[in-house]
N, C-alpha and C. Protein backbone atom coordinates (compact mmCIF):
# COMPACT_ATOMS: atom_id res chain seq x y z
N MET A 1 -9.59 16.12 28.96
CA MET A 1 -9.96 15.10 27.93
C MET A 1 -11.12 15.44 27.07
N LYS A 2 -10.78 14.82 25.62
CA LYS A 2 -11.42 15.59 24.63
C LYS A 2 -12.09 13.99 23.75
N MET A 3 -13.28 14.57 23.29
CA MET A 3 -13.85 13.34 22.20
C MET A 3 -13.79 14.18 21.07
N ILE A 4 -13.35 13.22 20.15
CA ILE A 4 -13.19 13.56 18.54
C ILE A 4 -14.05 12.53 18.01
N THR A 5 -14.88 13.17 17.14
CA THR A 5 -15.91 12.63 16.51
C THR A 5 -15.47 12.76 15.13
N ALA A 6 -15.28 11.86 14.13
CA ALA A 6 -14.65 12.14 12.75
C ALA A 6 -15.66 11.36 11.95
N ILE A 7 -15.92 11.82 11.12
CA ILE A 7 -16.89 11.11 9.95
C ILE A 7 -15.85 11.46 8.65
N VAL A 8 -15.78 9.85 8.00
CA VAL A 8 -14.96 9.73 7.27
C VAL A 8 -15.10 8.77 6.15
N ASN A 9 -15.12 9.28 4.78
CA ASN A 9 -15.61 8.58 3.67
C ASN A 9 -15.26 7.14 3.54
N LYS A 10 -16.10 6.21 3.41
CA LYS A 10 -15.77 4.63 3.45
C LYS A 10 -14.77 4.68 2.96
N ARG A 11 -14.04 5.18 1.28
CA ARG A 11 -13.05 4.64 0.90
C ARG A 11 -11.79 5.29 1.83
N ASP A 12 -11.64 5.91 2.80
CA ASP A 12 -10.80 6.77 3.51
C ASP A 12 -10.41 5.98 4.73
N ALA A 13 -11.70 5.33 5.12
CA ALA A 13 -11.63 4.91 6.36
C ALA A 13 -10.23 3.52 6.78
N ASP A 14 -10.20 2.80 6.02
CA ASP A 14 -9.06 1.74 6.72
C ASP A 14 -7.61 2.62 6.76
N SER A 15 -7.53 3.61 5.70
CA SER A 15 -6.14 4.36 5.95
C SER A 15 -5.98 5.24 7.47
N VAL A 16 -6.95 5.78 7.74
CA VAL A 16 -7.22 6.75 8.96
C VAL A 16 -7.08 5.84 10.20
N CYS A 17 -8.12 4.51 9.89
CA CYS A 17 -7.93 3.78 11.27
C CYS A 17 -6.41 3.18 11.54
N ASP A 18 -5.98 2.44 10.38
CA ASP A 18 -4.47 2.09 10.51
C ASP A 18 -3.47 3.23 11.09
N ALA A 19 -3.52 4.36 10.37
CA ALA A 19 -2.65 5.34 10.80
C ALA A 19 -3.13 5.83 12.64
N LEU A 20 -3.95 5.82 12.78
CA LEU A 20 -4.69 5.88 14.04
C LEU A 20 -4.23 5.11 15.13
N THR A 21 -4.39 3.85 14.59
CA THR A 21 -3.73 2.92 15.34
C THR A 21 -2.20 2.75 15.49
N SER A 22 -1.62 2.94 14.60
CA SER A 22 -0.16 3.01 14.29
C SER A 22 0.34 4.04 15.19
N HIS A 23 -0.02 5.06 15.81
CA HIS A 23 0.07 6.31 16.71
C HIS A 23 -0.56 5.78 18.03
N ASN A 24 -1.12 4.83 18.10
CA ASN A 24 -1.75 4.64 19.73
C ASN A 24 -2.90 5.32 19.92
N PHE A 25 -3.88 5.39 18.98
CA PHE A 25 -4.87 6.34 19.01
C PHE A 25 -5.99 5.01 19.40
N MET A 26 -6.72 4.77 20.34
CA MET A 26 -7.67 3.89 20.68
C MET A 26 -9.27 4.52 19.79
N PHE A 27 -9.97 4.01 19.53
CA PHE A 27 -11.46 4.46 18.95
C PHE A 27 -12.45 3.26 18.81
N THR A 28 -13.39 3.89 18.58
CA THR A 28 -14.73 3.03 18.27
C THR A 28 -15.17 3.57 16.56
N LYS A 29 -15.38 2.54 15.98
CA LYS A 29 -15.77 3.11 14.52
C LYS A 29 -17.31 2.44 14.38
N MET A 30 -18.10 3.05 13.66
CA MET A 30 -19.36 3.04 13.37
C MET A 30 -19.75 3.01 12.22
N ALA A 31 -20.38 2.35 11.15
CA ALA A 31 -20.69 2.54 10.02
C ALA A 31 -21.81 3.36 9.86
N THR A 32 -21.58 4.73 9.25
CA THR A 32 -22.88 5.65 9.10
C THR A 32 -23.08 5.79 7.35
N THR A 33 -24.28 6.47 7.41
CA THR A 33 -24.71 6.96 5.83
C THR A 33 -24.95 8.19 5.84
N GLY A 34 -24.21 8.98 5.03
CA GLY A 34 -24.35 10.41 4.63
C GLY A 34 -25.87 10.56 4.49
N GLY A 35 -26.56 11.92 4.83
CA GLY A 35 -28.01 12.19 4.44
C GLY A 35 -28.15 12.80 3.03
N PHE A 36 -26.85 13.60 2.77
CA PHE A 36 -27.11 14.16 0.99
C PHE A 36 -26.93 13.24 0.27
N LEU A 37 -25.63 12.61 -0.08
CA LEU A 37 -25.53 11.65 -0.99
C LEU A 37 -25.94 9.92 -0.74
N ARG A 38 -26.49 9.86 0.51
CA ARG A 38 -26.80 8.57 0.75
C ARG A 38 -25.65 7.65 0.53
N SER A 39 -24.40 7.81 0.72
CA SER A 39 -23.36 7.14 0.59
C SER A 39 -22.68 6.74 1.98
N GLY A 40 -21.89 5.83 1.83
CA GLY A 40 -21.60 5.04 3.17
C GLY A 40 -20.40 5.91 3.59
N ASN A 41 -20.30 5.98 5.08
CA ASN A 41 -19.12 6.76 5.98
C ASN A 41 -19.00 5.77 6.88
N MET A 42 -17.69 6.15 7.63
CA MET A 42 -17.45 5.73 9.11
C MET A 42 -17.20 6.93 9.85
N THR A 43 -17.83 6.75 11.11
CA THR A 43 -17.82 7.57 12.17
C THR A 43 -17.09 7.30 13.06
N LEU A 44 -15.91 7.75 13.41
CA LEU A 44 -15.12 7.47 14.54
C LEU A 44 -14.78 8.22 15.43
N LEU A 45 -14.90 7.42 16.75
CA LEU A 45 -15.11 8.32 18.14
C LEU A 45 -13.80 7.76 18.98
N ILE A 46 -13.28 9.08 18.97
CA ILE A 46 -11.88 8.75 19.77
C ILE A 46 -11.36 9.75 20.84
N GLY A 47 -11.62 8.90 22.12
CA GLY A 47 -11.21 9.81 23.35
C GLY A 47 -9.79 10.02 23.49
N THR A 48 -9.41 11.33 23.79
CA THR A 48 -8.06 11.41 24.13
C THR A 48 -7.79 12.39 24.79
N GLU A 49 -6.32 12.91 25.17
CA GLU A 49 -6.26 13.90 26.06
C GLU A 49 -6.00 15.06 25.50
N ASP A 50 -5.92 16.09 26.08
CA ASP A 50 -6.17 17.47 25.51
C ASP A 50 -4.67 17.60 24.45
N ASP A 51 -3.64 17.32 24.88
CA ASP A 51 -2.28 17.78 24.07
C ASP A 51 -2.16 16.61 22.71
N LYS A 52 -3.10 15.47 22.87
CA LYS A 52 -3.21 15.07 21.81
C LYS A 52 -3.97 15.23 20.57
N VAL A 53 -5.05 15.99 20.87
CA VAL A 53 -5.96 16.19 19.87
C VAL A 53 -5.47 16.63 18.55
N LYS A 54 -4.64 17.56 18.57
CA LYS A 54 -3.78 18.06 17.22
C LYS A 54 -3.21 17.36 16.19
N LYS A 55 -2.49 15.95 16.84
CA LYS A 55 -1.78 15.14 16.22
C LYS A 55 -2.83 14.17 15.57
N ALA A 56 -4.05 13.64 16.51
CA ALA A 56 -5.14 13.08 15.49
C ALA A 56 -5.80 13.78 14.70
N VAL A 57 -6.15 15.06 14.67
CA VAL A 57 -6.95 15.69 13.63
C VAL A 57 -5.83 15.65 12.42
N GLU A 58 -4.32 16.09 12.69
CA GLU A 58 -3.61 15.96 11.83
C GLU A 58 -3.71 14.44 10.89
N ILE A 59 -3.48 13.39 11.38
CA ILE A 59 -3.62 11.94 11.25
C ILE A 59 -4.97 12.02 10.14
N ILE A 60 -5.81 12.39 10.64
CA ILE A 60 -7.35 12.50 9.88
C ILE A 60 -6.84 13.11 8.77
N ARG A 61 -6.73 14.32 8.76
CA ARG A 61 -6.45 15.23 7.51
C ARG A 61 -5.67 14.58 6.54
N GLU A 62 -4.11 13.93 6.95
CA GLU A 62 -3.10 13.22 6.24
C GLU A 62 -3.89 12.14 5.44
N ASN A 63 -4.83 11.38 6.04
CA ASN A 63 -5.32 10.02 5.28
C ASN A 63 -6.86 9.99 4.94
N CYS A 64 -7.10 11.56 4.47
CA CYS A 64 -8.58 11.68 3.81
C CYS A 64 -8.38 12.58 2.68
N ALA A 65 -8.82 12.22 1.61
CA ALA A 65 -8.66 12.76 0.34
C ALA A 65 -10.07 13.27 -0.37
N GLN A 66 -10.44 14.79 -0.22
CA GLN A 66 -11.46 14.78 -0.86
C GLN A 66 -11.13 15.00 -2.54
N ARG A 67 -12.31 14.59 -3.28
CA ARG A 67 -11.86 13.76 -4.53
C ARG A 67 -13.03 14.07 -5.78
N MET A 68 -13.04 14.24 -6.67
CA MET A 68 -14.41 14.61 -7.80
C MET A 68 -14.79 13.35 -7.86
N GLU A 69 -16.22 13.05 -8.01
CA GLU A 69 -16.64 11.70 -7.98
C GLU A 69 -18.28 12.03 -8.75
N LYS A 70 -18.26 10.96 -9.80
CA LYS A 70 -19.51 11.21 -10.62
C LYS A 70 -20.62 10.62 -9.82
N VAL A 71 -22.01 11.01 -9.67
CA VAL A 71 -22.71 10.27 -8.72
C VAL A 71 -24.32 10.15 -9.87
N PRO A 72 -25.07 9.06 -9.75
CA PRO A 72 -26.42 9.44 -10.81
C PRO A 72 -27.23 10.31 -9.81
N SER A 73 -27.66 10.96 -11.07
CA SER A 73 -28.60 12.01 -10.66
C SER A 73 -29.78 11.95 -11.91
N VAL A 74 -31.39 12.00 -11.38
CA VAL A 74 -32.43 11.68 -12.08
C VAL A 74 -33.04 12.93 -12.19
N ILE A 75 -33.02 13.45 -13.70
CA ILE A 75 -34.19 14.74 -14.03
C ILE A 75 -35.44 14.37 -14.65
N SER A 76 -36.47 14.86 -14.27
CA SER A 76 -37.77 14.38 -14.68
C SER A 76 -38.37 15.58 -15.36
N SER A 77 -39.53 15.37 -15.99
CA SER A 77 -40.38 16.49 -16.86
C SER A 77 -41.62 16.34 -15.96
N ALA A 78 -42.10 17.31 -16.01
CA ALA A 78 -43.58 17.36 -15.30
C ALA A 78 -44.37 16.98 -16.59
N GLY A 79 -45.95 16.70 -15.86
CA GLY A 79 -46.95 16.25 -16.62
C GLY A 79 -47.36 15.07 -16.52
N PRO A 80 -48.57 14.61 -17.28
CA PRO A 80 -49.13 13.67 -17.02
C PRO A 80 -48.33 12.38 -17.62
N TYR A 81 -47.44 12.31 -18.63
CA TYR A 81 -46.73 11.56 -19.03
C TYR A 81 -45.32 11.94 -18.65
N ALA A 82 -44.84 11.68 -17.41
CA ALA A 82 -43.25 12.29 -17.00
C ALA A 82 -42.40 11.51 -17.64
N VAL A 83 -41.29 12.17 -17.91
CA VAL A 83 -40.15 11.35 -18.82
C VAL A 83 -39.01 11.53 -17.84
N PHE A 84 -38.49 10.61 -17.39
CA PHE A 84 -36.93 10.62 -16.43
C PHE A 84 -35.81 10.46 -17.37
N ASN A 85 -34.99 11.26 -17.14
CA ASN A 85 -33.30 11.07 -17.77
C ASN A 85 -32.62 10.66 -16.69
N TYR A 86 -31.73 9.69 -16.91
CA TYR A 86 -30.97 9.56 -15.65
C TYR A 86 -29.27 10.02 -16.40
N THR A 87 -28.45 10.90 -15.66
CA THR A 87 -27.39 11.25 -16.27
C THR A 87 -26.73 11.26 -14.40
N THR A 88 -25.61 11.52 -14.85
CA THR A 88 -24.71 11.31 -13.66
C THR A 88 -24.14 13.11 -13.73
N THR A 89 -23.55 13.30 -12.31
CA THR A 89 -23.18 14.68 -11.79
C THR A 89 -21.84 14.72 -11.13
N GLU A 90 -20.63 15.39 -11.56
CA GLU A 90 -20.10 15.45 -10.64
C GLU A 90 -19.76 15.95 -9.49
N LEU A 91 -19.31 15.63 -8.37
CA LEU A 91 -19.33 16.37 -7.07
C LEU A 91 -18.29 15.98 -6.18
N PRO A 92 -17.60 17.09 -5.35
CA PRO A 92 -16.53 16.48 -4.10
C PRO A 92 -17.27 15.50 -3.43
N VAL A 93 -16.66 14.56 -3.08
CA VAL A 93 -16.76 13.55 -2.17
C VAL A 93 -15.73 13.19 -1.24
N GLY A 94 -15.65 12.77 -0.05
CA GLY A 94 -14.59 12.38 0.42
C GLY A 94 -14.16 13.55 1.87
N GLY A 95 -12.71 13.18 2.03
CA GLY A 95 -12.52 14.18 3.46
C GLY A 95 -13.01 14.10 4.29
N ALA A 96 -13.16 14.34 5.35
CA ALA A 96 -13.49 14.05 6.76
C ALA A 96 -14.65 15.40 7.42
N THR A 97 -14.99 15.39 8.19
CA THR A 97 -15.90 16.23 9.22
C THR A 97 -15.38 15.86 10.47
N VAL A 98 -14.77 16.60 11.16
CA VAL A 98 -14.23 16.50 12.54
C VAL A 98 -15.12 17.57 13.33
N PHE A 99 -15.39 16.84 14.70
CA PHE A 99 -15.95 17.34 15.77
C PHE A 99 -14.93 17.35 17.08
N VAL A 100 -15.03 18.22 17.86
CA VAL A 100 -14.16 18.01 18.83
C VAL A 100 -14.38 18.65 20.04
N THR A 101 -15.16 17.95 21.23
CA THR A 101 -15.77 18.47 22.40
C THR A 101 -15.22 17.88 23.63
N ASP A 102 -15.59 18.54 24.41
CA ASP A 102 -14.89 18.19 25.99
C ASP A 102 -15.74 16.86 26.64
N VAL A 103 -14.68 16.44 27.15
CA VAL A 103 -15.40 15.39 28.20
C VAL A 103 -15.57 16.02 29.28
N VAL A 104 -16.82 15.88 30.03
CA VAL A 104 -17.41 16.20 31.41
C VAL A 104 -16.52 14.65 32.40
N TYR A 105 -17.10 13.65 32.25
CA TYR A 105 -16.65 12.76 32.73
C TYR A 105 -16.13 11.54 32.15
N TYR A 106 -15.38 10.75 32.24
CA TYR A 106 -14.94 9.90 31.68
C TYR A 106 -14.66 8.42 32.72
N GLU A 107 -14.97 7.30 32.53
CA GLU A 107 -14.92 6.05 33.40
C GLU A 107 -14.55 5.05 32.28
N LYS A 108 -13.48 4.41 32.47
CA LYS A 108 -13.54 2.92 31.47
C LYS A 108 -13.49 1.85 32.66
N MET A 109 -14.63 0.96 32.10
CA MET A 109 -15.02 0.04 33.47
C MET A 109 -14.20 -1.33 33.01
């Protein structure tokens, strides 16, 4: 048995969850926040048999799109009278980060 931990951008979460459900994967979803951009994510915990891991990862890949997005950024000047300039920077966001780990013990109560 394997545990798939998939961190998915919040914009992709619904399509990933719908696709996993339609292929009979059961999962737990948790709202999470990324550390770099501090944007919303959904972390999915998917317990599955070893032979189904490839299919689950394929579903996640097909339903997550990495895209360029403008994010706000601040540029400040040093000194006693700091000046702050607000601008946007284009960065790649989306996609998914997936971890697959072995499950030593599993019990459904």
